[in-house]
Amino acid sequence: MSGTAAKSRATVNKHPSAQKRHRQSIKRQARNTAIRSRVRTYVRRLREAITAGNATEATERLLSATRAINKAATKGVLHRNTASRKISRLTVAVRKLSTAA
């Protein structure tokens, strides 16, 4: 049975507390997916600005991407070390672009 088929079933377990935990996990999964998608969008826009060679736009987008990544780490969607690594690498890329320009 695939993972999505198991989650779409109405009664996963007959125990009320297990049903509640399942409902909570579905909500949590939707929230985490939205946050992860938002982070990817900000990072993609930043990388587009970097490849375009626009240093001022890349700097502005770095701030918004950093904010989104930090928020995802705070919410537990990303591990804090992963978030730190992503921010560091993006900052290095923007700095290379601004020094080259």
Protein backbone atom coordinates (compact mmCIF):
# COMPACT_ATOMS: atom_id res chain seq x y z
CA MET A 1 0.00 0.00 0.00
CA SER A 2 1.42 3.40 -0.91
CA GLY A 3 1.91 6.19 1.61
CA THR A 4 -0.79 8.45 0.20
CA ALA A 5 -3.40 5.68 0.16
CA ALA A 6 -2.78 4.97 3.83
CA LYS A 7 -3.25 8.62 4.78
CA SER A 8 -6.48 9.03 2.85
CA ARG A 9 -8.28 6.26 4.73
CA ALA A 10 -11.01 7.56 7.03
CA THR A 11 -10.39 5.20 9.96
CA VAL A 12 -6.74 4.53 10.58
CA ASN A 13 -7.37 3.27 14.08
CA LYS A 14 -10.46 2.82 16.21
CA HIS A 15 -8.96 4.34 19.31
CA PRO A 16 -10.04 8.00 19.71
CA SER A 17 -6.60 9.24 20.72
CA ALA A 18 -5.04 7.53 17.67
CA GLN A 19 -7.65 9.14 15.43
CA LYS A 20 -6.86 12.53 16.94
CA ARG A 21 -3.11 12.02 16.45
CA HIS A 22 -3.77 11.11 12.83
CA ARG A 23 -5.81 14.29 12.30
CA GLN A 24 -3.02 16.30 13.89
CA SER A 25 -0.39 14.65 11.72
CA ILE A 26 -2.36 15.50 8.56
CA LYS A 27 -2.58 19.16 9.62
CA ARG A 28 1.10 19.20 10.52
CA GLN A 29 2.05 17.63 7.20
CA ALA A 30 0.08 20.26 5.27
CA ARG A 31 1.67 23.07 7.28
CA ASN A 32 5.19 21.68 6.84
CA THR A 33 4.63 21.21 3.10
CA ALA A 34 3.52 24.83 2.74
CA ILE A 35 6.48 26.15 4.71
CA ARG A 36 8.94 23.98 2.77
CA SER A 37 7.41 25.12 -0.53
CA ARG A 38 7.67 28.77 0.52
CA VAL A 39 11.35 28.32 1.36
CA ARG A 40 12.02 26.65 -1.99
CA THR A 41 10.27 29.49 -3.81
CA TYR A 42 12.35 32.16 -2.06
CA VAL A 43 15.57 30.25 -2.70
CA ARG A 44 14.65 29.70 -6.36
CA ARG A 45 13.95 33.42 -6.85
CA LEU A 46 17.26 34.26 -5.21
CA ARG A 47 19.15 31.83 -7.45
CA GLU A 48 17.42 33.34 -10.50
CA ALA A 49 18.62 36.80 -9.44
CA ILE A 50 22.14 35.45 -8.93
CA THR A 51 22.26 33.81 -12.36
CA ALA A 52 20.87 37.00 -13.92
CA GLY A 53 23.77 38.88 -12.33
CA ASN A 54 21.58 41.40 -10.53
CA ALA A 55 23.43 42.12 -7.28
CA THR A 56 20.93 44.56 -5.74
CA GLU A 57 17.97 42.29 -6.39
CA ALA A 58 19.93 39.28 -5.11
CA THR A 59 20.75 41.15 -1.89
CA GLU A 60 17.09 42.00 -1.32
CA ARG A 61 15.99 38.46 -2.05
CA LEU A 62 18.69 37.08 0.24
CA LEU A 63 17.01 38.86 3.15
CA SER A 64 13.61 37.37 2.39
CA ALA A 65 15.08 33.90 1.77
CA THR A 66 17.05 34.08 5.02
CA ARG A 67 13.92 35.08 6.91
CA ALA A 68 11.93 32.19 5.41
CA ILE A 69 14.69 29.66 6.11
CA ASN A 70 15.07 30.82 9.71
CA LYS A 71 11.32 30.63 10.23
CA ALA A 72 11.26 27.10 8.83
CA ALA A 73 14.05 26.13 11.23
CA THR A 74 12.16 27.69 14.14
CA LYS A 75 9.03 25.74 13.24
CA GLY A 76 11.02 22.53 13.03
CA VAL A 77 10.53 22.01 9.29
CA LEU A 78 14.27 22.31 8.69
CA HIS A 79 17.02 21.29 11.09
CA ARG A 80 18.86 24.34 12.41
CA ASN A 81 22.18 23.17 11.00
CA THR A 82 20.60 22.62 7.59
CA ALA A 83 19.11 26.11 7.70
CA SER A 84 22.44 27.60 8.72
CA ARG A 85 24.23 25.77 5.90
CA LYS A 86 21.69 26.95 3.30
CA ILE A 87 21.92 30.55 4.48
CA SER A 88 25.70 30.42 4.49
CA ARG A 89 25.94 29.08 0.96
CA LEU A 90 23.41 31.56 -0.39
CA THR A 91 25.23 34.45 1.32
CA VAL A 92 28.54 33.34 -0.20
CA ALA A 93 26.95 33.25 -3.65
CA VAL A 94 25.51 36.75 -3.25
CA ARG A 95 28.83 38.10 -1.96
CA LYS A 96 30.67 36.62 -4.94
CA LEU A 97 28.17 38.32 -7.22
CA SER A 98 28.49 41.71 -5.50
CA THR A 99 32.31 41.61 -5.49
CA ALA A 100 32.40 40.61 -9.16
CA ALA A 101 30.09 43.47 -10.14
